[in-house]
Amino acid sequence: MIKRIGLFLATNILVVLTISFILNTVLPAFGIEIRGAWGLAVFCGFFGMGGAFISLSISRWMAKRAYGIVLIDRMAQDPGLRQIYEIVATLSRRAGLPAVPEVGIYESGEVNAFATGPSKAKSLVAFSTGLLNSMNREEFEAVAAHEVSHIANGDMVTMTLLTGVVNALVMFLARLLASILNSALSDDEGGGLGFFGYIMVVMLLETVFMLLASIPLAAFSRMREYRADGGAARLTSPVAMINALKRLGNIPGTPPLKDSMAIAKINSHRRVSLWSTHPSLEDRIRRLSGA
């Protein structure tokens, strides 16, 4: 967990430094200056969209190191590992992917799997050892098909676009309102919020706006889980996907992990609410069964 937190912080620092370099060095070199409302919009757009896409571009690298993922292929010595790869490869061809995703396994008692990557041609599907030890072949194929469907649907890119837009809007609105408040409190003798007051107001507004913006983001995330379930049902069978979801719901002692890849995993252990990134397993099963 400490390693994952460290990598997460290092990644965000890298993102901030990269975009700061672009804003403070690259743009001024071309005579582009950031001033006024338009300048603020450019600033927020760079940080919001740029940060989201930089994170997506290094998502495979991050996942491999954060989870200690071991990649496998059709040349693996273990027949079981070769079978896992061949299942993902077969499903990828059925789904029409331009390339077979990287296939990996990570050591964890958590029964879960996820897909990530910047494009359909450059993606990663990873399975926990807990999942591999808990599911039969039919159930595993359905889970693999679910993750392949996420890639085929372009869910990672779409989620990144939406997250980038939301981040940019939240940053822009928070700073715009803080500036308006600062101007309203200022007079000929000065006054206003002051530097630290301005920063505190921006942070407060960003927290509130992000909390509200997370509701539609979570709703989209739940929708893409339903869609990936449907894709898995088409690639395998509805019964296989239903059985896999039932298995996920019936495994005792599954440790609830909170990490940066939680939104990408097939199962979430958090209580269902407006901010839930995953629907309940019961709702997903009902949709697949047509109830």
Protein backbone atom coordinates (compact mmCIF):
# COMPACT_ATOMS: atom_id res chain seq x y z
CA MET A 1 0.00 0.00 0.00
CA ILE A 2 2.86 2.41 0.83
CA LYS A 3 4.40 1.68 -2.57
CA ARG A 4 1.09 2.45 -4.32
CA ILE A 5 0.67 5.73 -2.43
CA GLY A 6 4.24 6.71 -3.23
CA LEU A 7 3.79 6.01 -6.93
CA PHE A 8 0.48 7.90 -6.94
CA LEU A 9 2.10 10.97 -5.34
CA ALA A 10 5.12 10.76 -7.64
CA THR A 11 2.86 10.59 -10.68
CA ASN A 12 0.85 13.64 -9.64
CA ILE A 13 4.02 15.61 -8.91
CA LEU A 14 5.31 14.66 -12.38
CA VAL A 15 2.04 15.80 -13.95
CA VAL A 16 2.11 19.15 -12.14
CA LEU A 17 5.76 19.77 -13.03
CA THR A 18 5.20 18.88 -16.68
CA ILE A 19 2.18 21.14 -17.12
CA SER A 20 3.82 23.94 -15.12
CA PHE A 21 6.80 23.75 -17.49
CA ILE A 22 4.46 24.04 -20.49
CA LEU A 23 2.57 26.99 -19.01
CA ASN A 24 5.56 28.89 -17.63
CA THR A 25 8.21 28.10 -20.26
CA VAL A 26 6.85 26.68 -23.50
CA LEU A 27 3.84 28.99 -23.99
CA PRO A 28 5.72 32.23 -23.12
CA ALA A 29 8.44 31.19 -25.59
CA PHE A 30 5.77 31.39 -28.33
CA GLY A 31 4.49 34.73 -27.05
CA ILE A 32 1.40 33.25 -25.40
CA GLU A 33 0.62 34.95 -22.10
CA ILE A 34 -2.03 33.77 -19.64
CA ARG A 35 -4.09 36.74 -18.41
CA GLY A 36 -7.70 37.47 -17.51
CA ALA A 37 -10.62 35.06 -17.78
CA TRP A 38 -9.35 33.54 -21.03
CA GLY A 39 -5.94 33.05 -19.51
CA LEU A 40 -7.52 31.39 -16.50
CA ALA A 41 -9.51 29.12 -18.81
CA VAL A 42 -6.33 28.10 -20.65
CA PHE A 43 -4.56 27.48 -17.34
CA CYS A 44 -7.38 25.29 -16.01
CA GLY A 45 -7.77 23.52 -19.33
CA PHE A 46 -4.10 22.59 -19.39
CA PHE A 47 -4.12 21.32 -15.83
CA GLY A 48 -7.51 19.61 -16.05
CA MET A 49 -7.25 17.94 -19.45
CA GLY A 50 -3.47 17.67 -19.54
CA GLY A 51 -3.25 16.03 -16.14
CA ALA A 52 -5.95 13.52 -16.99
CA PHE A 53 -4.32 12.48 -20.28
CA ILE A 54 -0.82 12.29 -18.82
CA SER A 55 -2.19 9.97 -16.14
CA LEU A 56 -3.90 7.85 -18.82
CA SER A 57 -0.75 7.66 -20.94
CA ILE A 58 1.27 6.19 -18.07
CA SER A 59 -1.56 4.14 -16.58
CA ARG A 60 -0.13 0.78 -17.67
CA TRP A 61 3.29 1.66 -16.28
CA MET A 62 1.74 2.82 -13.03
CA ALA A 63 -0.43 -0.27 -12.63
CA LYS A 64 2.44 -2.68 -13.25
CA ARG A 65 4.61 -1.08 -10.60
CA ALA A 66 1.90 -0.33 -8.07
CA TYR A 67 0.59 -3.91 -8.11
CA GLY A 68 3.76 -5.79 -8.96
CA ILE A 69 2.03 -7.21 -12.02
CA VAL A 70 3.74 -10.16 -13.72
CA LEU A 71 3.06 -10.23 -17.47
CA ILE A 72 2.35 -13.52 -19.20
CA ASP A 73 2.10 -14.57 -22.85
CA ARG A 74 1.56 -17.66 -24.97
CA MET A 75 5.17 -18.70 -24.35
CA ALA A 76 4.71 -19.02 -20.57
CA GLN A 77 6.06 -22.31 -19.20
CA ASP A 78 3.08 -22.87 -16.90
CA PRO A 79 0.15 -24.37 -18.92
CA GLY A 80 -2.34 -22.57 -16.67
CA LEU A 81 -0.76 -19.21 -17.44
CA ARG A 82 -0.73 -19.96 -21.17
CA GLN A 83 -4.42 -20.81 -20.93
CA ILE A 84 -5.16 -17.46 -19.26
CA TYR A 85 -3.38 -15.62 -22.05
CA GLU A 86 -5.11 -17.61 -24.79
CA ILE A 87 -8.53 -16.90 -23.26
CA VAL A 88 -7.85 -13.15 -23.30
CA ALA A 89 -6.41 -13.37 -26.84
CA THR A 90 -9.47 -15.24 -28.12
CA LEU A 91 -11.86 -12.77 -26.50
CA SER A 92 -9.87 -9.84 -27.91
CA ARG A 93 -10.24 -11.20 -31.43
CA ARG A 94 -13.98 -11.68 -30.92
CA ALA A 95 -14.29 -8.11 -29.67
CA GLY A 96 -12.41 -6.79 -32.71
CA LEU A 97 -9.48 -5.29 -30.81
CA PRO A 98 -6.52 -4.27 -33.00
CA ALA A 99 -4.08 -6.03 -30.67
CA VAL A 100 -4.13 -8.43 -27.74
CA PRO A 101 -3.81 -6.48 -24.47
CA GLU A 102 -0.92 -7.13 -22.16
CA VAL A 103 -2.07 -9.83 -19.74
CA GLY A 104 -0.85 -9.82 -16.17
CA ILE A 105 -1.36 -11.33 -12.74
CA TYR A 106 -0.86 -9.63 -9.39
CA GLU A 107 -0.58 -11.18 -5.96
CA SER A 108 -3.61 -10.27 -3.84
CA GLY A 109 -6.30 -12.00 -1.83
CA GLU A 110 -8.73 -9.49 -3.31
CA VAL A 111 -11.01 -11.14 -5.86
CA ASN A 112 -10.85 -8.61 -8.67
CA ALA A 113 -9.61 -7.69 -12.14
CA PHE A 114 -9.15 -4.48 -14.11
CA ALA A 115 -8.24 -3.07 -17.50
CA THR A 116 -6.32 0.10 -18.22
CA GLY A 117 -4.29 1.74 -20.95
CA PRO A 118 -4.29 4.77 -23.28
CA SER A 119 -5.88 3.06 -26.30
CA LYS A 120 -7.39 -0.13 -27.68
CA ALA A 121 -4.02 -1.06 -29.15
CA LYS A 122 -2.07 -0.32 -25.95
CA SER A 123 -3.95 -1.75 -23.02
CA LEU A 124 -3.48 -4.04 -20.04
CA VAL A 125 -5.77 -6.60 -18.42
CA ALA A 126 -4.78 -7.79 -14.95
CA PHE A 127 -6.23 -10.46 -12.66
CA SER A 128 -5.63 -10.98 -8.95
CA THR A 129 -4.48 -14.36 -7.69
CA GLY A 130 -7.52 -14.27 -5.42
CA LEU A 131 -9.78 -14.21 -8.46
CA LEU A 132 -7.87 -16.95 -10.28
CA ASN A 133 -8.07 -19.20 -7.22
CA SER A 134 -11.80 -18.58 -6.68
CA MET A 135 -13.38 -18.95 -10.12
CA ASN A 136 -13.85 -21.81 -12.54
CA ARG A 137 -12.95 -21.43 -16.22
CA GLU A 138 -16.42 -20.29 -17.33
CA GLU A 139 -16.58 -17.61 -14.66
CA PHE A 140 -13.02 -16.45 -15.38
CA GLU A 141 -13.78 -16.17 -19.10
CA ALA A 142 -16.76 -13.95 -18.30
CA VAL A 143 -14.62 -11.68 -16.11
CA ALA A 144 -11.95 -11.51 -18.81
CA ALA A 145 -14.65 -10.69 -21.38
CA HIS A 146 -15.91 -7.89 -19.12
CA GLU A 147 -12.45 -6.31 -19.06
CA VAL A 148 -11.92 -6.81 -22.79
CA SER A 149 -15.31 -5.11 -23.35
CA HIS A 150 -14.11 -2.08 -21.37
CA ILE A 151 -11.20 -1.79 -23.80
CA ALA A 152 -13.37 -2.38 -26.89
CA ASN A 153 -15.84 0.28 -25.68
CA GLY A 154 -13.03 2.82 -25.21
CA ASP A 155 -14.11 3.33 -21.62
CA MET A 156 -10.71 4.43 -20.33
CA VAL A 157 -10.39 7.22 -22.90
CA THR A 158 -14.00 8.36 -22.47
CA MET A 159 -13.67 8.44 -18.69
CA THR A 160 -10.43 10.41 -19.04
CA LEU A 161 -12.11 12.96 -21.32
CA LEU A 162 -14.99 13.45 -18.89
CA THR A 163 -12.65 13.64 -15.90
CA GLY A 164 -10.46 16.18 -17.68
CA VAL A 165 -13.44 18.38 -18.56
CA VAL A 166 -14.76 18.17 -14.99
CA ASN A 167 -11.34 18.96 -13.51
CA ALA A 168 -10.95 21.98 -15.79
CA LEU A 169 -14.44 23.32 -15.02
CA VAL A 170 -14.00 22.84 -11.28
CA MET A 171 -10.65 24.63 -11.29
CA PHE A 172 -12.00 27.46 -13.47
CA LEU A 173 -15.23 28.06 -11.52
CA ALA A 174 -13.49 27.90 -8.13
CA ARG A 175 -10.88 30.48 -9.14
CA LEU A 176 -13.39 32.68 -10.96
CA LEU A 177 -15.74 32.84 -7.96
CA ALA A 178 -12.82 33.36 -5.56
CA SER A 179 -11.63 36.27 -7.73
CA ILE A 180 -15.12 37.78 -7.79
CA LEU A 181 -15.36 37.46 -4.00
CA ASN A 182 -11.92 38.97 -3.60
CA SER A 183 -12.90 41.95 -5.76
CA ALA A 184 -16.16 42.40 -3.85
CA LEU A 185 -14.29 42.57 -0.54
CA SER A 186 -11.63 44.95 -1.85
CA ASP A 187 -11.78 48.74 -1.69
CA ASP A 188 -9.52 51.67 -2.47
CA GLU A 189 -7.45 50.91 0.62
CA GLY A 190 -6.93 47.28 -0.33
CA GLY A 191 -8.57 44.57 1.70
CA GLY A 192 -9.93 41.53 -0.03
CA LEU A 193 -9.20 37.93 0.79
CA GLY A 194 -5.45 38.19 0.78
CA PHE A 195 -3.16 35.55 -0.69
CA PHE A 196 -3.79 32.80 1.85
CA GLY A 197 -7.49 33.65 2.10
CA TYR A 198 -7.81 33.35 -1.68
CA ILE A 199 -6.07 29.95 -1.65
CA MET A 200 -8.33 28.68 1.15
CA VAL A 201 -11.49 29.82 -0.65
CA VAL A 202 -10.32 28.19 -3.89
CA MET A 203 -9.63 24.92 -2.06
CA LEU A 204 -13.03 25.01 -0.35
CA LEU A 205 -14.88 25.74 -3.61
CA GLU A 206 -12.93 23.05 -5.48
CA THR A 207 -13.87 20.51 -2.82
CA VAL A 208 -17.56 21.40 -3.02
CA PHE A 209 -17.66 21.53 -6.83
CA MET A 210 -15.73 18.28 -7.19
CA LEU A 211 -18.09 16.59 -4.76
CA LEU A 212 -21.04 17.68 -6.92
CA ALA A 213 -19.28 16.91 -10.21
CA SER A 214 -18.47 13.42 -8.99
CA ILE A 215 -22.16 12.51 -9.12
CA PRO A 216 -22.49 12.54 -12.94
CA LEU A 217 -19.01 11.00 -13.28
CA ALA A 218 -20.04 8.14 -11.00
CA ALA A 219 -23.29 7.73 -12.94
CA PHE A 220 -21.33 7.33 -16.18
CA SER A 221 -18.99 4.87 -14.49
CA ARG A 222 -21.97 2.76 -13.38
CA MET A 223 -23.36 2.88 -16.92
CA ARG A 224 -20.11 1.63 -18.40
CA GLU A 225 -20.13 -1.30 -15.95
CA TYR A 226 -23.58 -2.31 -17.19
CA ARG A 227 -22.35 -1.96 -20.77
CA ALA A 228 -19.23 -4.06 -20.10
CA ASP A 229 -21.40 -6.73 -18.47
CA GLY A 230 -23.51 -6.78 -21.63
CA GLY A 231 -20.39 -7.04 -23.76
CA ALA A 232 -19.15 -9.95 -21.66
CA ALA A 233 -22.52 -11.69 -22.05
CA ARG A 234 -22.23 -11.39 -25.84
CA LEU A 235 -18.62 -12.60 -25.92
CA THR A 236 -19.34 -15.55 -23.63
CA SER A 237 -22.93 -15.99 -22.45
CA PRO A 238 -25.35 -14.19 -20.09
CA VAL A 239 -25.34 -17.22 -17.77
CA ALA A 240 -21.54 -17.17 -17.53
CA MET A 241 -21.48 -13.47 -16.63
CA ILE A 242 -24.30 -13.86 -14.12
CA ASN A 243 -22.46 -16.76 -12.47
CA ALA A 244 -19.26 -14.70 -12.31
CA LEU A 245 -21.09 -11.82 -10.61
CA LYS A 246 -22.73 -14.22 -8.19
CA ARG A 247 -19.32 -15.65 -7.39
CA LEU A 248 -18.00 -12.16 -6.67
CA GLY A 249 -20.87 -11.58 -4.28
CA ASN A 250 -20.56 -14.90 -2.47
CA ILE A 251 -16.87 -14.91 -1.63
CA PRO A 252 -16.41 -14.24 2.11
CA GLY A 253 -13.65 -12.17 3.59
CA THR A 254 -12.84 -10.16 0.47
CA PRO A 255 -10.60 -7.31 1.65
CA PRO A 256 -11.94 -3.87 0.61
CA LEU A 257 -9.01 -2.02 -0.91
CA LYS A 258 -8.94 1.71 -1.60
CA ASP A 259 -6.52 2.61 -4.36
CA SER A 260 -6.16 4.60 -7.56
CA MET A 261 -7.36 1.67 -9.72
CA ALA A 262 -10.57 1.04 -7.76
CA ILE A 263 -12.78 2.66 -10.41
CA ALA A 264 -11.33 0.34 -13.09
CA LYS A 265 -11.96 -2.92 -11.23
CA ILE A 266 -14.84 -5.26 -11.96
CA ASN A 267 -16.13 -5.12 -8.40
CA SER A 268 -16.37 -2.36 -5.80
CA HIS A 269 -16.83 -3.07 -2.11
CA ARG A 270 -18.22 0.34 -1.26
CA ARG A 271 -21.82 1.01 -0.31
CA VAL A 272 -24.00 2.01 -3.27
CA SER A 273 -24.79 5.74 -3.38
CA LEU A 274 -24.85 8.70 -5.76
CA TRP A 275 -21.05 8.62 -5.69
CA SER A 276 -20.70 4.88 -6.32
CA THR A 277 -18.58 4.02 -9.36
CA HIS A 278 -20.13 0.54 -9.57
CA PRO A 279 -23.76 -0.61 -9.42
CA SER A 280 -24.62 -3.28 -6.90
CA LEU A 281 -23.96 -6.84 -8.02
CA GLU A 282 -27.68 -7.53 -7.57
CA ASP A 283 -28.64 -4.78 -10.04
CA ARG A 284 -26.08 -6.00 -12.55
CA ILE A 285 -27.42 -9.54 -12.31
CA ARG A 286 -31.01 -8.32 -12.73
CA ARG A 287 -30.09 -6.43 -15.89
CA LEU A 288 -28.36 -9.43 -17.40
CA SER A 289 -31.23 -11.73 -16.55
CA GLY A 290 -33.75 -9.27 -18.03
CA ALA A 291 -35.68 -9.05 -14.77
